[in-house]
Amino acid sequence: MEKSIEKIWNEAFIDEQSLIAPKINNLYNQKSQSLINKIKRTYETDNKGLIPMAILVAVGMTLFSEAIIGFYGAFLILCLYFFNTRLLSQFNNIDVKSDNLTYLKEYKTVINTVIKASKKLFIFAIPLAVLSIFALAFSIKEKSFLSKFISSDTSFIEVIGIGFIVALIVSVIGIIVYTISTKILYGTHISKLDSIIKEMEELKK
């Protein structure tokens, strides 16, 4: 009897003697492995780019006599780096011994988790970081660009109010920039991943 596609597919991961199954298996293994490597490299490069950014913020702000705020800003960026590193470590927890389709589905789930967590970061964490910078500037009374908003007569409540408005603006801009950059950097890769998953699911029917 002629083998069904479903049977051939099921044998792809367990029957190395099959004449057809290994070809299907190798094809999708190569496509998925190449795509996963591209996504991984993009995420890692994107995250590592935060380190030189932190250095530039610290050095740049120091040159403009805003050392304390500069180093605090660099500290916040490094916190973001470690937060992202922890998020990306979820990719290492995926069971590589599972079949190719299951692995890709789990990988896509982790990608969605990372994207959702990053959006929450821009909604909640970034505004809090901006507010903390204003609070710090008010406390140390350092002469800086924030002096335009903070004078000797400005109360703490007024500073927080101004900081809240700035934080809200930064949050909205951050979400927009993140959405656009994610689409540019990962949109094509994620679409290809979805396509491979869909093709493999069709073969299993």
Protein backbone atom coordinates (compact mmCIF):
# COMPACT_ATOMS: atom_id res chain seq x y z
CA MET A 1 0.00 0.00 0.00
CA GLU A 2 1.10 3.53 -0.70
CA LYS A 3 2.22 5.36 2.43
CA SER A 4 0.14 8.31 3.55
CA ILE A 5 1.79 11.72 3.99
CA GLU A 6 0.96 11.55 7.68
CA LYS A 7 2.76 8.24 8.07
CA ILE A 8 5.76 9.50 6.13
CA TRP A 9 5.87 12.61 8.32
CA ASN A 10 5.62 10.62 11.55
CA GLU A 11 8.51 8.47 10.43
CA ALA A 12 10.61 11.54 9.60
CA PHE A 13 11.89 11.87 13.15
CA ILE A 14 12.19 8.16 14.04
CA ASP A 15 12.79 6.04 10.91
CA GLU A 16 16.19 6.77 9.44
CA GLN A 17 15.82 3.97 6.91
CA SER A 18 12.90 5.62 5.13
CA LEU A 19 13.72 6.84 1.62
CA ILE A 20 11.39 9.83 1.66
CA ALA A 21 11.05 10.85 5.30
CA PRO A 22 14.68 11.89 5.86
CA LYS A 23 14.49 14.19 2.82
CA ILE A 24 11.45 15.94 4.26
CA ASN A 25 13.07 16.02 7.68
CA ASN A 26 16.37 17.42 6.41
CA LEU A 27 14.65 20.06 4.29
CA TYR A 28 12.66 21.51 7.17
CA ASN A 29 15.52 21.05 9.62
CA GLN A 30 17.79 23.15 7.39
CA LYS A 31 15.15 25.84 6.78
CA SER A 32 14.17 26.11 10.43
CA GLN A 33 17.74 25.96 11.76
CA SER A 34 18.87 28.72 9.42
CA LEU A 35 15.90 30.90 10.39
CA ILE A 36 16.31 30.29 14.12
CA ASN A 37 19.99 31.23 13.90
CA LYS A 38 19.11 34.50 12.13
CA ILE A 39 16.52 35.41 14.77
CA LYS A 40 18.93 34.52 17.57
CA ARG A 41 21.75 36.63 16.10
CA THR A 42 19.41 39.60 15.61
CA TYR A 43 18.12 39.44 19.20
CA GLU A 44 21.64 39.11 20.64
CA THR A 45 23.06 41.94 18.51
CA ASP A 46 20.11 44.17 19.36
CA ASN A 47 20.54 43.56 23.09
CA LYS A 48 24.34 43.90 23.12
CA GLY A 49 23.93 47.30 21.47
CA LEU A 50 22.68 48.57 24.84
CA ILE A 51 26.17 48.26 26.38
CA PRO A 52 27.91 50.88 24.20
CA MET A 53 24.79 53.02 24.55
CA ALA A 54 25.17 52.97 28.35
CA ILE A 55 28.83 53.95 28.02
CA LEU A 56 27.98 56.82 25.68
CA VAL A 57 25.29 58.12 28.05
CA ALA A 58 27.66 58.03 31.04
CA VAL A 59 30.55 59.69 29.19
CA GLY A 60 28.39 62.18 27.28
CA MET A 61 26.46 63.38 30.32
CA THR A 62 29.68 63.69 32.32
CA LEU A 63 31.17 65.93 29.64
CA PHE A 64 28.13 68.18 30.03
CA SER A 65 28.62 68.31 33.82
CA GLU A 66 25.73 65.99 34.51
CA ALA A 67 27.74 63.05 35.86
CA ILE A 68 25.29 61.76 38.48
CA ILE A 69 22.31 61.73 36.12
CA GLY A 70 24.54 60.32 33.36
CA PHE A 71 25.75 57.38 35.43
CA TYR A 72 22.23 56.78 36.71
CA GLY A 73 20.96 56.75 33.13
CA ALA A 74 23.72 54.29 32.20
CA PHE A 75 22.71 52.14 35.17
CA LEU A 76 19.10 52.05 33.94
CA ILE A 77 20.22 51.03 30.43
CA LEU A 78 22.35 48.23 31.89
CA CYS A 79 19.32 47.09 33.91
CA LEU A 80 17.44 46.91 30.61
CA TYR A 81 20.31 44.85 29.14
CA PHE A 82 20.15 42.31 31.98
CA PHE A 83 16.35 42.25 31.82
CA ASN A 84 16.50 41.43 28.10
CA THR A 85 19.22 38.84 28.69
CA ARG A 86 16.98 37.09 31.18
CA LEU A 87 14.08 37.22 28.75
CA LEU A 88 16.18 35.78 25.92
CA SER A 89 17.40 32.96 28.18
CA GLN A 90 13.92 31.45 27.76
CA PHE A 91 15.01 30.33 24.29
CA ASN A 92 17.61 28.08 25.92
CA ASN A 93 14.91 26.31 27.94
CA ILE A 94 13.14 24.94 24.85
CA ASP A 95 13.39 21.16 24.55
CA VAL A 96 15.72 20.60 21.58
CA LYS A 97 14.96 16.87 21.69
CA SER A 98 11.36 17.45 20.63
CA ASP A 99 10.32 17.04 17.01
CA ASN A 100 10.95 19.95 14.65
CA LEU A 101 7.36 21.22 14.55
CA THR A 102 6.95 21.21 18.33
CA TYR A 103 10.27 23.00 18.72
CA LEU A 104 9.29 25.73 16.26
CA LYS A 105 5.91 26.24 17.95
CA GLU A 106 7.59 26.57 21.35
CA TYR A 107 10.11 28.99 19.83
CA LYS A 108 7.28 31.13 18.42
CA THR A 109 5.58 31.10 21.84
CA VAL A 110 8.77 32.41 23.48
CA ILE A 111 9.07 35.13 20.81
CA ASN A 112 5.51 36.27 21.59
CA THR A 113 6.35 36.25 25.33
CA VAL A 114 9.46 38.39 24.75
CA ILE A 115 7.54 40.90 22.61
CA LYS A 116 4.71 41.22 25.16
CA ALA A 117 7.18 41.65 28.04
CA SER A 118 9.08 44.32 26.10
CA LYS A 119 5.88 46.26 25.41
CA LYS A 120 4.98 46.15 29.13
CA LEU A 121 8.45 47.52 29.81
CA PHE A 122 7.71 50.61 27.69
CA ILE A 123 4.28 51.00 29.28
CA PHE A 124 5.34 50.71 32.93
CA ALA A 125 9.11 50.50 33.54
CA ILE A 126 10.32 53.26 31.19
CA PRO A 127 7.92 55.90 32.60
CA LEU A 128 8.99 54.96 36.14
CA ALA A 129 12.63 55.31 35.08
CA VAL A 130 11.95 58.80 33.68
CA LEU A 131 10.13 59.80 36.87
CA SER A 132 13.04 58.54 38.96
CA ILE A 133 15.45 60.71 36.93
CA PHE A 134 13.36 63.80 37.69
CA ALA A 135 13.19 62.83 41.37
CA LEU A 136 16.96 62.35 41.43
CA ALA A 137 17.56 65.70 39.75
CA PHE A 138 15.30 67.39 42.31
CA SER A 139 17.16 65.72 45.19
CA ILE A 140 20.72 66.50 44.11
CA LYS A 141 19.92 69.93 42.65
CA GLU A 142 22.54 69.30 39.98
CA LYS A 143 22.74 71.98 37.31
CA SER A 144 21.68 70.18 34.15
CA PHE A 145 19.23 70.23 31.27
CA LEU A 146 16.53 69.50 33.86
CA SER A 147 17.19 72.93 35.35
CA LYS A 148 14.80 74.21 32.69
CA PHE A 149 12.05 72.35 34.53
CA ILE A 150 13.41 72.46 38.07
CA SER A 151 14.27 75.68 39.89
CA SER A 152 14.84 76.45 43.54
CA ASP A 153 11.17 77.41 43.83
CA THR A 154 9.82 74.24 42.20
CA SER A 155 8.13 71.86 44.63
CA PHE A 156 8.56 68.09 44.55
CA ILE A 157 4.93 67.62 43.48
CA GLU A 158 5.46 70.00 40.56
CA VAL A 159 8.61 68.14 39.54
CA ILE A 160 6.80 64.80 39.63
CA GLY A 161 3.94 66.32 37.64
CA ILE A 162 6.32 67.52 34.94
CA GLY A 163 8.14 64.19 35.06
CA PHE A 164 4.86 62.31 34.64
CA ILE A 165 4.00 64.27 31.49
CA VAL A 166 7.48 63.68 30.06
CA ALA A 167 7.29 59.99 31.06
CA LEU A 168 3.94 59.62 29.29
CA ILE A 169 5.36 61.17 26.10
CA VAL A 170 8.47 58.98 26.28
CA SER A 171 6.31 55.89 26.81
CA VAL A 172 4.12 56.59 23.76
CA ILE A 173 7.14 57.38 21.57
CA GLY A 174 8.94 54.29 22.91
CA ILE A 175 6.04 51.97 22.09
CA ILE A 176 5.78 53.39 18.56
CA VAL A 177 9.54 53.11 17.96
CA TYR A 178 9.63 49.59 19.44
CA THR A 179 6.70 48.42 17.28
CA ILE A 180 8.28 49.82 14.11
CA SER A 181 11.78 48.53 14.89
CA THR A 182 10.42 45.08 15.78
CA LYS A 183 8.58 44.93 12.47
CA ILE A 184 11.71 45.99 10.57
CA LEU A 185 14.16 43.71 12.42
CA TYR A 186 12.00 40.66 13.03
CA GLY A 187 8.90 40.99 10.85
CA THR A 188 10.28 39.03 7.89
CA HIS A 189 11.83 36.33 10.10
CA ILE A 190 8.62 35.84 12.10
CA SER A 191 6.56 35.63 8.89
CA LYS A 192 8.90 32.94 7.54
CA LEU A 193 8.66 31.07 10.84
CA ASP A 194 4.87 31.16 10.66
CA SER A 195 5.01 29.91 7.07
CA ILE A 196 7.25 26.95 7.97
CA ILE A 197 5.00 26.01 10.89
CA LYS A 198 1.92 26.21 8.63
CA GLU A 199 3.56 24.05 5.94
CA MET A 200 4.59 21.42 8.48
CA GLU A 201 1.11 21.36 9.99
CA GLU A 202 -0.39 20.88 6.52
CA LEU A 203 1.95 17.92 5.89
CA LYS A 204 0.82 16.28 9.11
CA LYS A 205 -2.88 16.38 8.11
